[in-house]
């Protein structure tokens, strides 16, 4: 016997792909203004959200590597971006 289908449940599945979960620690990489490979810059608001102080060491993770960098504040950097050298 077939089960009745809830239309709200189908709609949730259809739109779940479009509504991604917010990840506060995920940032988009921008090119750095300075040439130092060991320094990354964030906006002051993002540093407050992540409870970081300028000069702290942070570990950056990607799919294949981990890197330790020093974080500094930059008022010109957007909140969803991190500035670092692409090395």
N, C-alpha and C. Protein backbone atom coordinates (compact mmCIF):
# COMPACT_ATOMS: atom_id res chain seq x y z
N UNK A 1 0.83 -1.17 0.00
CA UNK A 1 0.00 0.00 0.00
C UNK A 1 0.88 1.24 0.00
N UNK A 2 0.55 2.19 -0.83
CA UNK A 2 1.35 3.41 -0.97
C UNK A 2 1.10 4.35 0.21
N UNK A 3 2.17 5.01 0.63
CA UNK A 3 2.05 5.97 1.73
C UNK A 3 1.73 7.35 1.16
N UNK A 4 0.92 8.14 1.87
CA UNK A 4 0.65 9.50 1.40
C UNK A 4 1.91 10.35 1.50
N UNK A 5 2.10 11.23 0.54
CA UNK A 5 3.29 12.08 0.48
C UNK A 5 2.93 13.46 0.99
N UNK A 6 3.74 13.96 1.90
CA UNK A 6 3.54 15.31 2.43
C UNK A 6 4.18 16.31 1.47
N UNK A 7 3.43 17.25 0.88
CA UNK A 7 4.01 18.20 -0.08
C UNK A 7 5.05 19.12 0.56
N UNK A 8 4.90 19.42 1.85
CA UNK A 8 5.89 20.27 2.53
C UNK A 8 7.24 19.56 2.62
N UNK A 9 7.20 18.25 2.84
CA UNK A 9 8.43 17.48 2.95
C UNK A 9 9.16 17.43 1.61
N UNK A 10 8.40 17.28 0.52
CA UNK A 10 9.01 17.28 -0.82
C UNK A 10 9.65 18.63 -1.12
N UNK A 11 8.98 19.70 -0.72
CA UNK A 11 9.51 21.05 -0.97
C UNK A 11 10.80 21.27 -0.18
N UNK A 12 10.87 20.75 1.04
CA UNK A 12 12.08 20.89 1.85
C UNK A 12 13.26 20.20 1.18
N UNK A 13 13.04 19.02 0.63
CA UNK A 13 14.11 18.30 -0.05
C UNK A 13 14.55 19.03 -1.32
N UNK A 14 13.60 19.60 -2.03
CA UNK A 14 13.92 20.29 -3.28
C UNK A 14 14.73 21.56 -3.04
N UNK A 15 14.45 22.26 -1.96
CA UNK A 15 15.16 23.52 -1.69
C UNK A 15 16.35 23.34 -0.77
N UNK A 16 16.57 22.17 -0.23
CA UNK A 16 17.70 21.97 0.68
C UNK A 16 19.03 22.11 -0.03
N UNK A 17 19.09 21.83 -1.31
CA UNK A 17 20.32 22.00 -2.07
C UNK A 17 20.67 23.47 -2.20
N UNK A 18 19.66 24.30 -2.37
CA UNK A 18 19.90 25.74 -2.53
C UNK A 18 20.24 26.43 -1.22
N UNK A 19 19.72 25.94 -0.12
CA UNK A 19 19.97 26.55 1.19
C UNK A 19 21.13 25.84 1.86
N UNK A 20 22.32 26.38 1.70
CA UNK A 20 23.50 25.75 2.29
C UNK A 20 23.62 26.16 3.75
N UNK A 21 24.22 25.28 4.51
CA UNK A 21 24.45 25.55 5.92
C UNK A 21 25.52 26.62 6.07
N UNK A 22 25.29 27.58 6.97
CA UNK A 22 26.27 28.64 7.16
C UNK A 22 27.42 28.11 8.01
N UNK A 23 28.63 28.34 7.55
CA UNK A 23 29.83 27.94 8.26
C UNK A 23 30.62 29.20 8.59
N UNK A 24 30.64 29.62 9.86
CA UNK A 24 31.29 30.89 10.20
C UNK A 24 32.81 30.86 10.02
N UNK A 25 33.41 29.68 10.03
CA UNK A 25 34.86 29.58 9.91
C UNK A 25 35.33 29.43 8.47
N UNK A 26 34.42 29.32 7.52
CA UNK A 26 34.80 29.16 6.11
C UNK A 26 34.88 30.54 5.47
N UNK A 27 36.04 30.86 4.89
CA UNK A 27 36.28 32.17 4.30
C UNK A 27 36.77 32.00 2.87
N UNK A 28 36.55 33.01 2.05
CA UNK A 28 37.01 33.03 0.67
C UNK A 28 38.37 33.73 0.62
N UNK A 29 39.30 33.19 -0.16
CA UNK A 29 40.66 33.73 -0.21
C UNK A 29 40.75 34.87 -1.20
N UNK A 30 41.36 35.98 -0.75
CA UNK A 30 41.70 37.12 -1.60
C UNK A 30 43.22 37.23 -1.64
N UNK A 31 43.74 37.89 -2.67
CA UNK A 31 45.18 38.12 -2.75
C UNK A 31 45.61 39.10 -1.67
N UNK A 32 46.76 38.83 -1.08
CA UNK A 32 47.29 39.70 -0.03
C UNK A 32 47.91 40.95 -0.63
N UNK A 33 47.87 42.03 0.16
CA UNK A 33 48.49 43.27 -0.27
C UNK A 33 49.99 43.20 -0.01
N UNK A 34 50.37 42.66 1.15
CA UNK A 34 51.80 42.52 1.46
C UNK A 34 52.32 41.20 0.88
N UNK A 35 53.63 41.04 0.86
CA UNK A 35 54.23 39.87 0.24
C UNK A 35 54.66 38.80 1.23
N UNK A 36 54.24 38.89 2.48
CA UNK A 36 54.68 37.93 3.49
C UNK A 36 53.82 36.67 3.43
N UNK A 37 54.46 35.52 3.31
CA UNK A 37 53.73 34.25 3.19
C UNK A 37 53.16 33.75 4.51
N UNK A 38 53.66 34.24 5.64
CA UNK A 38 53.23 33.72 6.93
C UNK A 38 52.18 34.59 7.61
N UNK A 39 51.67 35.61 6.93
CA UNK A 39 50.69 36.53 7.53
C UNK A 39 49.40 36.49 6.72
N UNK A 40 48.27 36.42 7.43
CA UNK A 40 46.95 36.53 6.82
C UNK A 40 46.23 37.71 7.48
N UNK A 41 45.31 38.33 6.74
CA UNK A 41 44.56 39.45 7.30
C UNK A 41 43.06 39.17 7.23
N UNK A 42 42.37 39.58 8.28
CA UNK A 42 40.92 39.46 8.40
C UNK A 42 40.34 40.81 8.80
N UNK A 43 39.04 40.98 8.63
CA UNK A 43 38.40 42.19 9.14
C UNK A 43 38.33 42.11 10.66
N UNK A 44 38.25 43.27 11.29
CA UNK A 44 38.20 43.30 12.76
C UNK A 44 36.93 42.63 13.28
N UNK A 45 35.83 42.78 12.58
CA UNK A 45 34.57 42.14 13.00
C UNK A 45 34.69 40.62 12.96
N UNK A 46 35.30 40.07 11.91
CA UNK A 46 35.48 38.62 11.80
C UNK A 46 36.44 38.12 12.88
N UNK A 47 37.46 38.92 13.18
CA UNK A 47 38.38 38.52 14.25
C UNK A 47 37.66 38.50 15.60
N UNK A 48 36.75 39.44 15.84
CA UNK A 48 35.97 39.44 17.07
C UNK A 48 35.03 38.23 17.11
N UNK A 49 34.41 37.89 15.99
CA UNK A 49 33.52 36.73 15.93
C UNK A 49 34.26 35.44 16.23
N UNK A 50 35.49 35.32 15.74
CA UNK A 50 36.29 34.11 15.94
C UNK A 50 37.14 34.17 17.21
N UNK A 51 37.01 35.26 17.98
CA UNK A 51 37.74 35.47 19.23
C UNK A 51 39.25 35.42 19.00
N UNK A 52 39.71 36.15 17.99
CA UNK A 52 41.13 36.25 17.68
C UNK A 52 41.63 37.64 18.01
N UNK A 53 42.91 37.73 18.35
CA UNK A 53 43.58 39.00 18.59
C UNK A 53 44.69 39.12 17.56
N UNK A 54 44.95 40.34 17.13
CA UNK A 54 46.01 40.56 16.14
C UNK A 54 47.33 40.03 16.67
N UNK A 55 47.98 39.19 15.89
CA UNK A 55 49.24 38.57 16.30
C UNK A 55 49.09 37.12 16.71
N UNK A 56 47.87 36.62 16.83
CA UNK A 56 47.64 35.21 17.17
C UNK A 56 48.08 34.31 16.02
N UNK A 57 48.47 33.09 16.37
CA UNK A 57 48.77 32.07 15.36
C UNK A 57 47.48 31.30 15.08
N UNK A 58 47.19 31.07 13.80
CA UNK A 58 46.00 30.33 13.40
C UNK A 58 46.42 29.19 12.48
N UNK A 59 45.65 28.10 12.52
CA UNK A 59 45.91 26.98 11.63
C UNK A 59 44.87 27.01 10.52
N UNK A 60 45.33 27.06 9.28
CA UNK A 60 44.46 27.06 8.11
C UNK A 60 44.46 25.66 7.52
N UNK A 61 43.26 25.13 7.24
CA UNK A 61 43.15 23.78 6.70
C UNK A 61 42.47 23.82 5.35
N UNK A 62 43.01 23.02 4.43
CA UNK A 62 42.36 22.79 3.15
C UNK A 62 42.20 21.29 2.99
N UNK A 63 41.85 20.86 1.80
CA UNK A 63 41.66 19.42 1.59
C UNK A 63 42.96 18.65 1.72
N UNK A 64 44.07 19.25 1.30
CA UNK A 64 45.34 18.52 1.27
C UNK A 64 46.39 19.01 2.26
N UNK A 65 46.26 20.22 2.80
CA UNK A 65 47.33 20.71 3.65
C UNK A 65 46.84 21.52 4.83
N UNK A 66 47.75 21.69 5.78
CA UNK A 66 47.53 22.54 6.95
C UNK A 66 48.69 23.52 7.03
N UNK A 67 48.39 24.77 7.39
CA UNK A 67 49.40 25.81 7.45
C UNK A 67 49.17 26.64 8.71
N UNK A 68 50.25 27.04 9.37
CA UNK A 68 50.18 27.93 10.52
C UNK A 68 50.57 29.32 10.06
N UNK A 69 49.74 30.33 10.37
CA UNK A 69 49.99 31.72 9.97
C UNK A 69 49.70 32.65 11.15
N UNK A 70 50.20 33.87 11.04
CA UNK A 70 49.92 34.93 11.99
C UNK A 70 48.79 35.77 11.43
N UNK A 71 47.80 36.12 12.25
CA UNK A 71 46.64 36.87 11.80
C UNK A 71 46.77 38.33 12.22
N UNK A 72 46.40 39.23 11.30
CA UNK A 72 46.37 40.67 11.56
C UNK A 72 45.03 41.23 11.11
N UNK A 73 44.63 42.36 11.70
CA UNK A 73 43.37 43.01 11.34
C UNK A 73 43.59 43.96 10.17
N UNK A 74 42.57 44.06 9.31
CA UNK A 74 42.60 44.98 8.17
C UNK A 74 41.18 45.49 7.97
N UNK A 75 41.00 46.80 8.08
CA UNK A 75 39.66 47.38 7.96
C UNK A 75 39.12 47.36 6.54
N UNK A 76 39.98 47.19 5.54
CA UNK A 76 39.53 47.18 4.15
C UNK A 76 39.13 45.78 3.68
N UNK A 77 39.36 44.77 4.48
CA UNK A 77 39.04 43.38 4.11
C UNK A 77 37.56 43.10 4.41
N UNK A 78 36.79 42.54 3.46
CA UNK A 78 35.38 42.20 3.73
C UNK A 78 35.27 41.09 4.78
N UNK A 79 34.10 40.97 5.41
CA UNK A 79 33.91 40.02 6.51
C UNK A 79 33.95 38.56 6.07
N UNK A 80 33.62 38.26 4.83
CA UNK A 80 33.59 36.87 4.38
C UNK A 80 34.87 36.46 3.66
N UNK A 81 35.91 37.27 3.73
CA UNK A 81 37.16 37.00 3.01
C UNK A 81 38.35 36.97 3.95
N UNK A 82 39.40 36.30 3.50
CA UNK A 82 40.69 36.30 4.18
C UNK A 82 41.73 36.64 3.12
N UNK A 83 42.65 37.51 3.47
CA UNK A 83 43.70 37.89 2.52
C UNK A 83 44.98 37.15 2.88
N UNK A 84 45.51 36.45 1.89
CA UNK A 84 46.75 35.71 2.08
C UNK A 84 47.43 35.52 0.74
N UNK A 85 48.74 35.23 0.78
CA UNK A 85 49.48 34.95 -0.45
C UNK A 85 49.07 33.60 -0.99
N UNK A 86 49.02 33.48 -2.30
CA UNK A 86 48.68 32.20 -2.94
C UNK A 86 49.96 31.46 -3.29
N UNK A 87 50.57 30.90 -2.29
CA UNK A 87 51.80 30.14 -2.50
C UNK A 87 51.54 28.68 -2.24
